[in-house]
Amino acid sequence: MVTINDVAKAAQVSTATVSRVVNNGPKVGAKTRQRVLDVMEQLGYRPNANARALASQRSTTLGVVIPELTDPFFASLANGVEVVARNNGMQLLLSTGLQSAETERQAIQLLIEQRCEALVVHSKKLDDATLLEFASQVPGLILIDRYIPAIKNRCIWLDNMEGGRIAARYLLSLQHTQIACINSLHEIDDPRLRQEGFEQILSESGHPLSDQLTVRNEPTLKGGELAAQQLLARDTPFSCVFAYNDAMAIGAISVFEDNGFKVPGDISVVGFDDVLISRYSRPKLTTLHYPIQEMAESAATLALQFNGSESTESTKCKYIPTLVKRESVSPEQA
């Protein structure tokens, strides 16, 4: 492996001069600079990113913590951060929290140890106090899909409760009154807030959500299948379902169809997130659009602003989901 000493020897200069060239420092003549650059190219020398960061006092990495790699939702989040990193000539460092408080803590600590001074963190398991402690250590730490009032200007979040309200208003507008809810069993804010908003509108309309028509399971395709089987087994009539996310909605649709129910003819289904698969399911899924990539890009940009790498400007912090009407919902049959 070619070292800075090799470059200095071949170019007949000191290692300090090579370092100045690498970091665009002053006090290097044009001819000397070009000679060093030519030697670097000939030898295939690649400067160490950490060494450059130490010399320039500027981190060259942008970190992101997500729960897992396989979920398309979190892949979109990571992609949004990567776009900003690439546009700013930085490298992306990614770590996963694996839906565990201790693993989330370790993931954040690892990125800090790697000198990531700009961090986008998706954390649902760590408590507010722990995240506030990390935020005090790293000015460029931004939370996504999490709201903590004490650092509200460093939080990019979705109004999940309003998303539930939007879904309820839409189904009621189509004359649905026998309404079921398939929710995630994870003890985090998102499922609780979505259902609270949904129930609020139903109660105000005089059609409160029945406990018999509320089921919880894993927020996956399989979880949606199991939840739909639970609903059908309870033998309580329902004409539509609001699902926690698109995966659960699509899993539920497969069970309804397998049991002789047409979607949306017999049962209408609304999802949440608007991940790619929702556009290609059959029927195409009506859902609430969660602008996760846009939010991730905003969070990454904000992380750089708080880290002093960019001038601070106003950033949108709260996002509202929008209804995407496709083919899985129809008016209640008279």
C-alpha atoms as a PDB file:
ATOM      1  CA  MET A   1       0.000   0.000   0.000  1.00  0.00           C
ATOM      2  CA  VAL A   2       1.395   3.377  -1.054  1.00  0.00           C
ATOM      3  CA  THR A   3       2.069   5.759   1.853  1.00  0.00           C
ATOM      4  CA  ILE A   4       2.579   9.500   2.132  1.00  0.00           C
ATOM      5  CA  ASN A   5       6.284   8.776   2.665  1.00  0.00           C
ATOM      6  CA  ASP A   6       6.439   7.008  -0.708  1.00  0.00           C
ATOM      7  CA  VAL A   7       4.881  10.019  -2.411  1.00  0.00           C
ATOM      8  CA  ALA A   8       7.228  12.456  -0.655  1.00  0.00           C
ATOM      9  CA  LYS A   9      10.302  10.418  -1.646  1.00  0.00           C
ATOM     10  CA  ALA A  10       9.252  10.064  -5.298  1.00  0.00           C
ATOM     11  CA  ALA A  11       8.346  13.765  -5.598  1.00  0.00           C
ATOM     12  CA  GLN A  12      11.467  14.818  -3.694  1.00  0.00           C
ATOM     13  CA  VAL A  13       9.531  16.879  -1.163  1.00  0.00           C
ATOM     14  CA  SER A  14       8.732  16.598   2.546  1.00  0.00           C
ATOM     15  CA  THR A  15       5.721  14.731   3.881  1.00  0.00           C
ATOM     16  CA  ALA A  16       4.436  18.091   5.152  1.00  0.00           C
ATOM     17  CA  THR A  17       4.360  19.370   1.573  1.00  0.00           C
ATOM     18  CA  VAL A  18       2.454  16.288   0.405  1.00  0.00           C
ATOM     19  CA  SER A  19      -0.036  16.831   3.243  1.00  0.00           C
ATOM     20  CA  ARG A  20      -0.529  20.480   2.189  1.00  0.00           C
ATOM     21  CA  VAL A  21      -1.224  19.359  -1.388  1.00  0.00           C
ATOM     22  CA  VAL A  22      -3.695  16.701  -0.241  1.00  0.00           C
ATOM     23  CA  ASN A  23      -5.567  19.230   1.894  1.00  0.00           C
ATOM     24  CA  ASN A  24      -5.289  22.147  -0.552  1.00  0.00           C
ATOM     25  CA  GLY A  25      -3.126  23.999   1.935  1.00  0.00           C
ATOM     26  CA  PRO A  26      -1.167  27.196   1.246  1.00  0.00           C
ATOM     27  CA  LYS A  27       2.591  27.706   0.835  1.00  0.00           C
ATOM     28  CA  VAL A  28       3.009  25.222  -2.021  1.00  0.00           C
ATOM     29  CA  GLY A  29       4.142  26.509  -5.402  1.00  0.00           C
ATOM     30  CA  ALA A  30       2.168  25.619  -8.520  1.00  0.00           C
ATOM     31  CA  LYS A  31       4.963  23.516 -10.037  1.00  0.00           C
ATOM     32  CA  THR A  32       5.582  21.628  -6.819  1.00  0.00           C
ATOM     33  CA  ARG A  33       1.869  21.041  -6.312  1.00  0.00           C
ATOM     34  CA  GLN A  34       1.515  19.626  -9.825  1.00  0.00           C
ATOM     35  CA  ARG A  35       4.566  17.383  -9.381  1.00  0.00           C
ATOM     36  CA  VAL A  36       3.130  15.947  -6.188  1.00  0.00           C
ATOM     37  CA  LEU A  37      -0.260  15.397  -7.835  1.00  0.00           C
ATOM     38  CA  ASP A  38       1.388  13.636 -10.779  1.00  0.00           C
ATOM     39  CA  VAL A  39       3.314  11.335  -8.440  1.00  0.00           C
ATOM     40  CA  MET A  40       0.161  10.576  -6.452  1.00  0.00           C
ATOM     41  CA  GLU A  41      -1.592   9.551  -9.656  1.00  0.00           C
ATOM     42  CA  GLN A  42       1.375   7.465 -10.885  1.00  0.00           C
ATOM     43  CA  LEU A  43       1.687   5.604  -7.595  1.00  0.00           C
ATOM     44  CA  GLY A  44      -2.071   5.271  -7.058  1.00  0.00           C
ATOM     45  CA  TYR A  45      -1.931   7.023  -3.698  1.00  0.00           C
ATOM     46  CA  ARG A  46      -5.268   7.432  -1.922  1.00  0.00           C
ATOM     47  CA  PRO A  47      -5.263   9.801   1.079  1.00  0.00           C
ATOM     48  CA  ASN A  48      -6.662   8.384   4.308  1.00  0.00           C
ATOM     49  CA  ALA A  49     -10.077   9.949   4.944  1.00  0.00           C
ATOM     50  CA  ASN A  50      -9.587  10.175   8.717  1.00  0.00           C
ATOM     51  CA  ALA A  51      -6.189  11.797   8.287  1.00  0.00           C
ATOM     52  CA  ARG A  52      -7.651  14.350   5.925  1.00  0.00           C
ATOM     53  CA  ALA A  53     -10.470  15.054   8.352  1.00  0.00           C
ATOM     54  CA  LEU A  54      -8.009  15.630  11.177  1.00  0.00           C
ATOM     55  CA  ALA A  55      -5.936  17.980   9.025  1.00  0.00           C
ATOM     56  CA  SER A  56      -8.901  19.984   7.780  1.00  0.00           C
ATOM     57  CA  GLN A  57     -10.892  19.793  11.052  1.00  0.00           C
ATOM     58  CA  ARG A  58     -13.887  18.735   8.931  1.00  0.00           C
ATOM     59  CA  SER A  59     -15.482  15.309   8.900  1.00  0.00           C
ATOM     60  CA  THR A  60     -15.759  13.669   5.501  1.00  0.00           C
ATOM     61  CA  THR A  61     -18.505  11.248   6.541  1.00  0.00           C
ATOM     62  CA  LEU A  62     -22.241  11.510   7.066  1.00  0.00           C
ATOM     63  CA  GLY A  63     -23.750   8.824   9.282  1.00  0.00           C
ATOM     64  CA  VAL A  64     -27.214   7.281   9.373  1.00  0.00           C
ATOM     65  CA  VAL A  65     -28.807   4.856  11.826  1.00  0.00           C
ATOM     66  CA  ILE A  66     -31.816   2.837  10.652  1.00  0.00           C
ATOM     67  CA  PRO A  67     -33.616  -0.114  12.299  1.00  0.00           C
ATOM     68  CA  GLU A  68     -32.905  -2.637   9.532  1.00  0.00           C
ATOM     69  CA  LEU A  69     -31.639  -3.035   5.979  1.00  0.00           C
ATOM     70  CA  THR A  70     -34.312  -5.211   4.375  1.00  0.00           C
ATOM     71  CA  ASP A  71     -37.381  -2.986   4.795  1.00  0.00           C
ATOM     72  CA  PRO A  72     -37.974  -0.858   1.645  1.00  0.00           C
ATOM     73  CA  PHE A  73     -39.096   2.043   3.846  1.00  0.00           C
ATOM     74  CA  PHE A  74     -35.744   2.236   5.613  1.00  0.00           C
ATOM     75  CA  ALA A  75     -33.872   1.653   2.374  1.00  0.00           C
ATOM     76  CA  SER A  76     -35.544   4.815   1.048  1.00  0.00           C
ATOM     77  CA  LEU A  77     -34.516   6.666   4.207  1.00  0.00           C
ATOM     78  CA  ALA A  78     -30.878   5.626   3.786  1.00  0.00           C
ATOM     79  CA  ASN A  79     -30.977   6.524   0.104  1.00  0.00           C
ATOM     80  CA  GLY A  80     -32.189  10.041   0.907  1.00  0.00           C
ATOM     81  CA  VAL A  81     -29.249  10.584   3.272  1.00  0.00           C
ATOM     82  CA  GLU A  82     -26.837   9.125   0.720  1.00  0.00           C
ATOM     83  CA  VAL A  83     -28.012  11.597  -1.937  1.00  0.00           C
ATOM     84  CA  VAL A  84     -27.059  14.520   0.312  1.00  0.00           C
ATOM     85  CA  ALA A  85     -23.743  12.906   1.264  1.00  0.00           C
ATOM     86  CA  ARG A  86     -22.827  12.376  -2.389  1.00  0.00           C
ATOM     87  CA  ASN A  87     -23.832  15.916  -3.355  1.00  0.00           C
ATOM     88  CA  ASN A  88     -21.525  17.252  -0.635  1.00  0.00           C
ATOM     89  CA  GLY A  89     -18.561  15.066  -1.528  1.00  0.00           C
ATOM     90  CA  MET A  90     -18.933  12.959   1.614  1.00  0.00           C
ATOM     91  CA  GLN A  91     -19.039   9.246   2.326  1.00  0.00           C
ATOM     92  CA  LEU A  92     -22.061   7.559   3.911  1.00  0.00           C
ATOM     93  CA  LEU A  93     -21.568   5.401   7.007  1.00  0.00           C
ATOM     94  CA  LEU A  94     -24.593   3.281   7.919  1.00  0.00           C
ATOM     95  CA  SER A  95     -25.387   1.338  11.073  1.00  0.00           C
ATOM     96  CA  THR A  96     -28.496  -0.560  12.168  1.00  0.00           C
ATOM     97  CA  GLY A  97     -30.383  -0.472  15.458  1.00  0.00           C
ATOM     98  CA  LEU A  98     -32.249  -3.770  14.989  1.00  0.00           C
ATOM     99  CA  GLN A  99     -35.299  -2.617  16.993  1.00  0.00           C
ATOM    100  CA  SER A 100     -33.283  -2.755  20.241  1.00  0.00           C
ATOM    101  CA  ALA A 101     -32.437   0.090  22.625  1.00  0.00           C
ATOM    102  CA  GLU A 102     -28.974  -1.266  23.378  1.00  0.00           C
ATOM    103  CA  THR A 103     -28.175  -1.890  19.701  1.00  0.00           C
ATOM    104  CA  GLU A 104     -29.405   1.596  18.789  1.00  0.00           C
ATOM    105  CA  ARG A 105     -27.109   3.056  21.444  1.00  0.00           C
ATOM    106  CA  GLN A 106     -24.171   1.035  20.138  1.00  0.00           C
ATOM    107  CA  ALA A 107     -24.926   2.055  16.539  1.00  0.00           C
ATOM    108  CA  ILE A 108     -24.902   5.769  17.393  1.00  0.00           C
ATOM    109  CA  GLN A 109     -21.764   5.417  19.521  1.00  0.00           C
ATOM    110  CA  LEU A 110     -19.983   3.575  16.706  1.00  0.00           C
ATOM    111  CA  LEU A 111     -20.650   6.371  14.234  1.00  0.00           C
ATOM    112  CA  ILE A 112     -19.491   8.987  16.734  1.00  0.00           C
ATOM    113  CA  GLU A 113     -16.263   7.013  17.231  1.00  0.00           C
ATOM    114  CA  GLN A 114     -15.844   7.028  13.445  1.00  0.00           C
ATOM    115  CA  ARG A 115     -15.834  10.852  13.625  1.00  0.00           C
ATOM    116  CA  CYS A 116     -19.271  11.309  12.067  1.00  0.00           C
ATOM    117  CA  GLU A 117     -20.129  14.833  13.154  1.00  0.00           C
ATOM    118  CA  ALA A 118     -23.286  14.869  11.031  1.00  0.00           C
ATOM    119  CA  LEU A 119     -25.727  12.091  11.942  1.00  0.00           C
ATOM    120  CA  VAL A 120     -29.276  11.193  10.916  1.00  0.00           C
ATOM    121  CA  VAL A 121     -30.756   8.878  13.536  1.00  0.00           C
ATOM    122  CA  HIS A 122     -33.955   6.831  13.332  1.00  0.00           C
ATOM    123  CA  SER A 123     -34.480   5.655  16.894  1.00  0.00           C
ATOM    124  CA  LYS A 124     -37.680   4.270  18.379  1.00  0.00           C
ATOM    125  CA  LYS A 125     -36.308   2.277  21.301  1.00  0.00           C
ATOM    126  CA  LEU A 126     -33.974   4.708  23.085  1.00  0.00           C
ATOM    127  CA  ASP A 127     -35.556   7.039  25.635  1.00  0.00           C
ATOM    128  CA  ASP A 128     -35.562  10.810  25.242  1.00  0.00           C
ATOM    129  CA  ALA A 129     -32.880  11.334  27.908  1.00  0.00           C
ATOM    130  CA  THR A 130     -30.364   9.106  26.108  1.00  0.00           C
ATOM    131  CA  LEU A 131     -30.990  10.785  22.751  1.00  0.00           C
ATOM    132  CA  LEU A 132     -30.678  14.228  24.355  1.00  0.00           C
ATOM    133  CA  GLU A 133     -27.307  13.196  25.793  1.00  0.00           C
ATOM    134  CA  PHE A 134     -26.098  12.104  22.355  1.00  0.00           C
ATOM    135  CA  ALA A 135     -27.443  15.344  20.861  1.00  0.00           C
ATOM    136  CA  SER A 136     -25.453  17.360  23.400  1.00  0.00           C
ATOM    137  CA  GLN A 137     -22.280  15.554  22.299  1.00  0.00           C
ATOM    138  CA  VAL A 138     -22.897  15.907  18.550  1.00  0.00           C
ATOM    139  CA  PRO A 139     -24.340  19.234  17.324  1.00  0.00           C
ATOM    140  CA  GLY A 140     -24.967  17.671  13.906  1.00  0.00           C
ATOM    141  CA  LEU A 141     -27.191  14.862  15.235  1.00  0.00           C
ATOM    142  CA  ILE A 142     -30.694  15.027  13.729  1.00  0.00           C
ATOM    143  CA  LEU A 143     -33.604  12.761  14.637  1.00  0.00           C
ATOM    144  CA  ILE A 144     -35.914  11.506  11.915  1.00  0.00           C
ATOM    145  CA  ASP A 145     -39.411  10.104  12.563  1.00  0.00           C
ATOM    146  CA  ARG A 146     -39.049  11.197  16.198  1.00  0.00           C
ATOM    147  CA  TYR A 147     -40.093  14.375  17.992  1.00  0.00           C
ATOM    148  CA  ILE A 148     -38.512  15.563  21.253  1.00  0.00           C
ATOM    149  CA  PRO A 149     -39.684  19.070  22.276  1.00  0.00           C
ATOM    150  CA  ALA A 150     -36.333  19.985  23.892  1.00  0.00           C
ATOM    151  CA  ILE A 151     -34.592  19.726  20.481  1.00  0.00           C
ATOM    152  CA  LYS A 152     -37.579  20.307  18.209  1.00  0.00           C
ATOM    153  CA  ASN A 153     -35.471  22.204  15.656  1.00  0.00           C
ATOM    154  CA  ARG A 154     -33.351  19.059  15.256  1.00  0.00           C
ATOM    155  CA  CYS A 155     -36.291  16.709  14.620  1.00  0.00           C
ATOM    156  CA  ILE A 156     -37.755  15.798  11.225  1.00  0.00           C
ATOM    157  CA  TRP A 157     -41.064  14.082  11.860  1.00  0.00           C
ATOM    158  CA  LEU A 158     -44.371  12.964  10.377  1.00  0.00           C
ATOM    159  CA  ASP A 159     -47.739  13.823  11.920  1.00  0.00           C
ATOM    160  CA  ASN A 160     -48.928  10.222  12.290  1.00  0.00           C
ATOM    161  CA  MET A 161     -52.080  11.238  14.130  1.00  0.00           C
ATOM    162  CA  GLU A 162     -53.185  13.409  11.227  1.00  0.00           C
ATOM    163  CA  GLY A 163     -52.496  10.466   8.915  1.00  0.00           C
ATOM    164  CA  GLY A 164     -54.999   8.393  10.882  1.00  0.00           C
ATOM    165  CA  ARG A 165     -57.514  11.230  10.712  1.00  0.00           C
ATOM    166  CA  ILE A 166     -57.113  11.494   6.923  1.00  0.00           C
ATOM    167  CA  ALA A 167     -57.752   7.773   6.483  1.00  0.00           C
ATOM    168  CA  ALA A 168     -60.862   7.870   8.697  1.00  0.00           C
ATOM    169  CA  ARG A 169     -62.346  10.901   6.934  1.00  0.00           C
ATOM    170  CA  TYR A 170     -61.818   9.248   3.558  1.00  0.00           C
ATOM    171  CA  LEU A 171     -63.532   5.985   4.523  1.00  0.00           C
ATOM    172  CA  LEU A 172     -66.437   7.800   6.165  1.00  0.00           C
ATOM    173  CA  SER A 173     -66.855   9.946   3.041  1.00  0.00           C
ATOM    174  CA  LEU A 174     -67.487   6.704   1.130  1.00  0.00           C
ATOM    175  CA  GLN A 175     -70.224   5.740   3.620  1.00  0.00           C
ATOM    176  CA  HIS A 176     -68.232   3.049   5.418  1.00  0.00           C
ATOM    177  CA  THR A 177     -69.357   2.599   9.028  1.00  0.00           C
ATOM    178  CA  GLN A 178     -68.258  -0.976   9.824  1.00  0.00           C
ATOM    179  CA  ILE A 179     -64.556  -0.201   9.957  1.00  0.00           C
ATOM    180  CA  ALA A 180     -61.703  -2.447  11.102  1.00  0.00           C
ATOM    181  CA  CYS A 181     -58.138  -1.534  12.081  1.00  0.00           C
ATOM    182  CA  ILE A 182     -55.041  -3.710  11.690  1.00  0.00           C
ATOM    183  CA  ASN A 183     -52.203  -2.253  13.741  1.00  0.00           C
ATOM    184  CA  SER A 184     -48.595  -3.020  14.656  1.00  0.00           C
ATOM    185  CA  LEU A 185     -47.951  -4.627  18.025  1.00  0.00           C
ATOM    186  CA  HIS A 186     -44.659  -2.755  18.455  1.00  0.00           C
ATOM    187  CA  GLU A 187     -44.705  -0.471  21.491  1.00  0.00           C
ATOM    188  CA  ILE A 188     -43.649   2.707  19.679  1.00  0.00           C
ATOM    189  CA  ASP A 189     -45.367   6.017  18.951  1.00  0.00           C
ATOM    190  CA  ASP A 190     -46.257   5.532  15.270  1.00  0.00           C
ATOM    191  CA  PRO A 191     -48.953   2.814  15.583  1.00  0.00           C
ATOM    192  CA  ARG A 192     -50.406   4.421  18.703  1.00  0.00           C
ATOM    193  CA  LEU A 193     -50.692   7.861  17.111  1.00  0.00           C
ATOM    194  CA  ARG A 194     -52.121   6.579  13.828  1.00  0.00           C
ATOM    195  CA  GLN A 195     -54.832   4.658  15.646  1.00  0.00           C
ATOM    196  CA  GLU A 196     -55.566   7.585  17.995  1.00  0.00           C
ATOM    197  CA  GLY A 197     -56.146   9.912  15.056  1.00  0.00           C
ATOM    198  CA  PHE A 198     -58.252   7.275  13.294  1.00  0.00           C
ATOM    199  CA  GLU A 199     -60.383   6.607  16.375  1.00  0.00           C
ATOM    200  CA  GLN A 200     -60.846  10.315  17.068  1.00  0.00           C
ATOM    201  CA  ILE A 201     -62.576  10.945  13.744  1.00  0.00           C
ATOM    202  CA  LEU A 202     -64.663   7.763  13.959  1.00  0.00           C
ATOM    203  CA  SER A 203     -65.862   8.685  17.449  1.00  0.00           C
ATOM    204  CA  GLU A 204     -66.736  12.219  16.375  1.00  0.00           C
ATOM    205  CA  SER A 205     -68.806  10.763  13.517  1.00  0.00           C
ATOM    206  CA  GLY A 206     -70.791   8.519  15.841  1.00  0.00           C
ATOM    207  CA  HIS A 207     -69.153   5.304  14.614  1.00  0.00           C
ATOM    208  CA  PRO A 208     -66.514   4.431  17.232  1.00  0.00           C
ATOM    209  CA  LEU A 209     -63.982   1.734  16.462  1.00  0.00           C
ATOM    210  CA  SER A 210     -65.002  -1.604  17.963  1.00  0.00           C
ATOM    211  CA  ASP A 211     -62.531  -3.643  20.011  1.00  0.00           C
ATOM    212  CA  GLN A 212     -63.755  -6.664  18.057  1.00  0.00           C
ATOM    213  CA  LEU A 213     -62.540  -5.014  14.855  1.00  0.00           C
ATOM    214  CA  THR A 214     -59.103  -4.041  16.158  1.00  0.00           C
ATOM    215  CA  VAL A 215     -56.200  -6.497  15.865  1.00  0.00           C
ATOM    216  CA  ARG A 216     -52.429  -6.200  16.258  1.00  0.00           C
ATOM    217  CA  ASN A 217     -49.566  -8.164  14.804  1.00  0.00           C
ATOM    218  CA  GLU A 218     -46.063  -7.785  13.381  1.00  0.00           C
ATOM    219  CA  PRO A 219     -45.869  -4.946  10.801  1.00  0.00           C
ATOM    220  CA  THR A 220     -45.002  -7.341   7.964  1.00  0.00           C
ATOM    221  CA  LEU A 221     -46.730  -9.182   5.112  1.00  0.00           C
ATOM    222  CA  LYS A 222     -47.086 -12.237   7.352  1.00  0.00           C
ATOM    223  CA  GLY A 223     -48.351 -10.080  10.195  1.00  0.00           C
ATOM    224  CA  GLY A 224     -51.012  -8.656   7.889  1.00  0.00           C
ATOM    225  CA  GLU A 225     -52.085 -12.157   6.885  1.00  0.00           C
ATOM    226  CA  LEU A 226     -52.416 -13.280  10.494  1.00  0.00           C
ATOM    227  CA  ALA A 227     -54.285 -10.120  11.460  1.00  0.00           C
ATOM    228  CA  ALA A 228     -56.774 -10.614   8.603  1.00  0.00           C
ATOM    229  CA  GLN A 229     -57.342 -14.212   9.686  1.00  0.00           C
ATOM    230  CA  GLN A 230     -58.069 -12.975  13.216  1.00  0.00           C
ATOM    231  CA  LEU A 231     -60.620 -10.481  11.910  1.00  0.00           C
ATOM    232  CA  LEU A 232     -62.419 -13.092   9.826  1.00  0.00           C
ATOM    233  CA  ALA A 233     -62.431 -15.574  12.710  1.00  0.00           C
ATOM    234  CA  ARG A 234     -64.227 -13.092  14.974  1.00  0.00           C
ATOM    235  CA  ASP A 235     -67.243 -13.185  12.685  1.00  0.00           C
ATOM    236  CA  THR A 236     -67.997  -9.482  13.177  1.00  0.00           C
ATOM    237  CA  PRO A 237     -69.036  -7.791   9.895  1.00  0.00           C
ATOM    238  CA  PHE A 238     -66.751  -5.098   8.447  1.00  0.00           C
ATOM    239  CA  SER A 239     -66.627  -3.391   5.065  1.00  0.00           C
ATOM    240  CA  CYS A 240     -63.148  -1.831   5.189  1.00  0.00           C
ATOM    241  CA  VAL A 241     -59.772  -2.016   6.913  1.00  0.00           C
ATOM    242  CA  PHE A 242     -57.210   0.627   7.828  1.00  0.00           C
ATOM    243  CA  ALA A 243     -53.790  -1.031   8.082  1.00  0.00           C
ATOM    244  CA  TYR A 244     -50.722   0.239   9.928  1.00  0.00           C
ATOM    245  CA  ASN A 245     -48.530  -0.019   6.837  1.00  0.00           C
ATOM    246  CA  ASP A 246     -48.562  -1.227   3.249  1.00  0.00           C
ATOM    247  CA  ALA A 247     -47.015  -4.602   4.064  1.00  0.00           C
ATOM    248  CA  MET A 248     -49.810  -5.439   6.513  1.00  0.00           C
ATOM    249  CA  ALA A 249     -52.423  -4.147   4.062  1.00  0.00           C
ATOM    250  CA  ILE A 250     -51.139  -6.306   1.194  1.00  0.00           C
ATOM    251  CA  GLY A 251     -50.841  -9.359   3.455  1.00  0.00           C
ATOM    252  CA  ALA A 252     -54.441  -8.821   4.571  1.00  0.00           C
ATOM    253  CA  ILE A 253     -55.681  -8.474   0.976  1.00  0.00           C
ATOM    254  CA  SER A 254     -54.209 -11.876   0.085  1.00  0.00           C
ATOM    255  CA  VAL A 255     -56.148 -13.519   2.938  1.00  0.00           C
ATOM    256  CA  PHE A 256     -59.403 -11.772   2.048  1.00  0.00           C
ATOM    257  CA  GLU A 257     -59.103 -12.828  -1.596  1.00  0.00           C
ATOM    258  CA  ASP A 258     -58.176 -16.406  -0.621  1.00  0.00           C
ATOM    259  CA  ASN A 259     -61.341 -16.566   1.479  1.00  0.00           C
ATOM    260  CA  GLY A 260     -63.627 -15.452  -1.324  1.00  0.00           C
ATOM    261  CA  PHE A 261     -63.859 -11.724  -0.536  1.00  0.00           C
ATOM    262  CA  LYS A 262     -63.276  -9.287  -3.374  1.00  0.00           C
ATOM    263  CA  VAL A 263     -61.115  -6.221  -2.725  1.00  0.00           C
ATOM    264  CA  PRO A 264     -62.520  -3.605  -2.946  1.00  0.00           C
ATOM    265  CA  GLY A 265     -65.950  -5.027  -3.877  1.00  0.00           C
ATOM    266  CA  ASP A 266     -66.525  -6.723  -0.530  1.00  0.00           C
ATOM    267  CA  ILE A 267     -63.777  -5.243   1.621  1.00  0.00           C
ATOM    268  CA  SER A 268     -61.897  -1.988   1.055  1.00  0.00           C
ATOM    269  CA  VAL A 269     -58.303  -1.651   2.327  1.00  0.00           C
ATOM    270  CA  VAL A 270     -56.169   1.426   3.076  1.00  0.00           C
ATOM    271  CA  GLY A 271     -52.450   1.160   3.796  1.00  0.00           C
ATOM    272  CA  PHE A 272     -49.815   3.585   5.045  1.00  0.00           C
ATOM    273  CA  ASP A 273     -46.325   4.565   3.769  1.00  0.00           C
ATOM    274  CA  ASP A 274     -46.772   4.286  -0.025  1.00  0.00           C
ATOM    275  CA  VAL A 275     -43.746   2.039  -0.513  1.00  0.00           C
ATOM    276  CA  LEU A 276     -42.958   0.859  -4.035  1.00  0.00           C
ATOM    277  CA  ILE A 277     -44.830  -2.443  -3.771  1.00  0.00           C
ATOM    278  CA  SER A 278     -48.113  -0.615  -3.122  1.00  0.00           C
ATOM    279  CA  ARG A 279     -48.127   0.568  -6.743  1.00  0.00           C
ATOM    280  CA  TYR A 280     -47.778  -2.964  -8.087  1.00  0.00           C
ATOM    281  CA  SER A 281     -49.990  -5.000  -5.747  1.00  0.00           C
ATOM    282  CA  ARG A 282     -53.290  -6.293  -7.093  1.00  0.00           C
ATOM    283  CA  PRO A 283     -55.394  -4.347  -6.648  1.00  0.00           C
ATOM    284  CA  LYS A 284     -53.070  -1.345  -6.513  1.00  0.00           C
ATOM    285  CA  LEU A 285     -53.131  -0.124  -2.938  1.00  0.00           C
ATOM    286  CA  THR A 286     -54.795   3.054  -1.737  1.00  0.00           C
ATOM    287  CA  THR A 287     -52.496   4.385   0.953  1.00  0.00           C
ATOM    288  CA  LEU A 288     -51.106   7.368   2.858  1.00  0.00           C
ATOM    289  CA  HIS A 289     -47.910   8.686   1.297  1.00  0.00           C
ATOM    290  CA  TYR A 290     -45.051   8.985   3.770  1.00  0.00           C
ATOM    291  CA  PRO A 291     -42.417  11.235   2.118  1.00  0.00           C
ATOM    292  CA  ILE A 292     -39.541   9.410   3.798  1.00  0.00           C
ATOM    293  CA  GLN A 293     -36.894  10.081   1.138  1.00  0.00           C
ATOM    294  CA  GLU A 294     -37.681  13.800   1.090  1.00  0.00           C
ATOM    295  CA  MET A 295     -37.609  13.851   4.897  1.00  0.00           C
ATOM    296  CA  ALA A 296     -34.286  11.997   4.930  1.00  0.00           C
ATOM    297  CA  GLU A 297     -32.751  14.506   2.533  1.00  0.00           C
ATOM    298  CA  SER A 298     -34.004  17.351   4.746  1.00  0.00           C
ATOM    299  CA  ALA A 299     -32.602  15.640   7.843  1.00  0.00           C
ATOM    300  CA  ALA A 300     -29.190  15.106   6.230  1.00  0.00           C
ATOM    301  CA  THR A 301     -29.070  18.705   5.035  1.00  0.00           C
ATOM    302  CA  LEU A 302     -30.017  19.899   8.512  1.00  0.00           C
ATOM    303  CA  ALA A 303     -27.299  17.700  10.043  1.00  0.00           C
ATOM    304  CA  LEU A 304     -24.710  19.436   7.870  1.00  0.00           C
ATOM    305  CA  GLN A 305     -26.112  22.848   8.780  1.00  0.00           C
ATOM    306  CA  PHE A 306     -25.880  22.157  12.518  1.00  0.00           C
ATOM    307  CA  ASN A 307     -22.398  20.737  12.001  1.00  0.00           C
ATOM    308  CA  GLY A 308     -21.334  24.048  10.483  1.00  0.00           C
ATOM    309  CA  SER A 309     -20.668  22.577   7.044  1.00  0.00           C
ATOM    310  CA  GLU A 310     -23.373  24.699   5.431  1.00  0.00           C
ATOM    311  CA  SER A 311     -25.060  28.001   6.151  1.00  0.00           C
ATOM    312  CA  THR A 312     -28.130  27.578   8.336  1.00  0.00           C
ATOM    313  CA  GLU A 313     -31.443  28.114   6.614  1.00  0.00           C
ATOM    314  CA  SER A 314     -35.050  27.360   7.458  1.00  0.00           C
ATOM    315  CA  THR A 315     -35.910  23.675   7.194  1.00  0.00           C
ATOM    316  CA  LYS A 316     -39.312  22.047   7.178  1.00  0.00           C
ATOM    317  CA  CYS A 317     -39.523  19.870  10.280  1.00  0.00           C
ATOM    318  CA  LYS A 318     -43.110  18.572  10.361  1.00  0.00           C
ATOM    319  CA  TYR A 319     -44.564  16.644   7.427  1.00  0.00           C
ATOM    320  CA  ILE A 320     -48.183  15.629   6.773  1.00  0.00           C
ATOM    321  CA  PRO A 321     -48.985  12.362   4.950  1.00  0.00           C
ATOM    322  CA  THR A 322     -51.111  12.643   1.812  1.00  0.00           C
ATOM    323  CA  LEU A 323     -53.793  10.278   0.560  1.00  0.00           C
ATOM    324  CA  VAL A 324     -52.941   8.344  -2.613  1.00  0.00           C
ATOM    325  CA  LYS A 325     -56.117   6.930  -4.180  1.00  0.00           C
ATOM    326  CA  ARG A 326     -55.646   3.752  -6.185  1.00  0.00           C
ATOM    327  CA  GLU A 327     -57.809   0.645  -6.569  1.00  0.00           C
ATOM    328  CA  SER A 328     -58.241  -1.015  -3.158  1.00  0.00           C
ATOM    329  CA  VAL A 329     -61.075   1.197  -1.891  1.00  0.00           C
ATOM    330  CA  SER A 330     -64.621   1.654  -3.168  1.00  0.00           C
ATOM    331  CA  PRO A 331     -67.819   3.135  -1.682  1.00  0.00           C
ATOM    332  CA  GLU A 332     -69.781   1.012   0.779  1.00  0.00           C
ATOM    333  CA  GLN A 333     -72.306  -1.152  -1.054  1.00  0.00           C
ATOM    334  CA  ALA A 334     -75.861  -0.205  -0.308  1.00  0.00           C
END
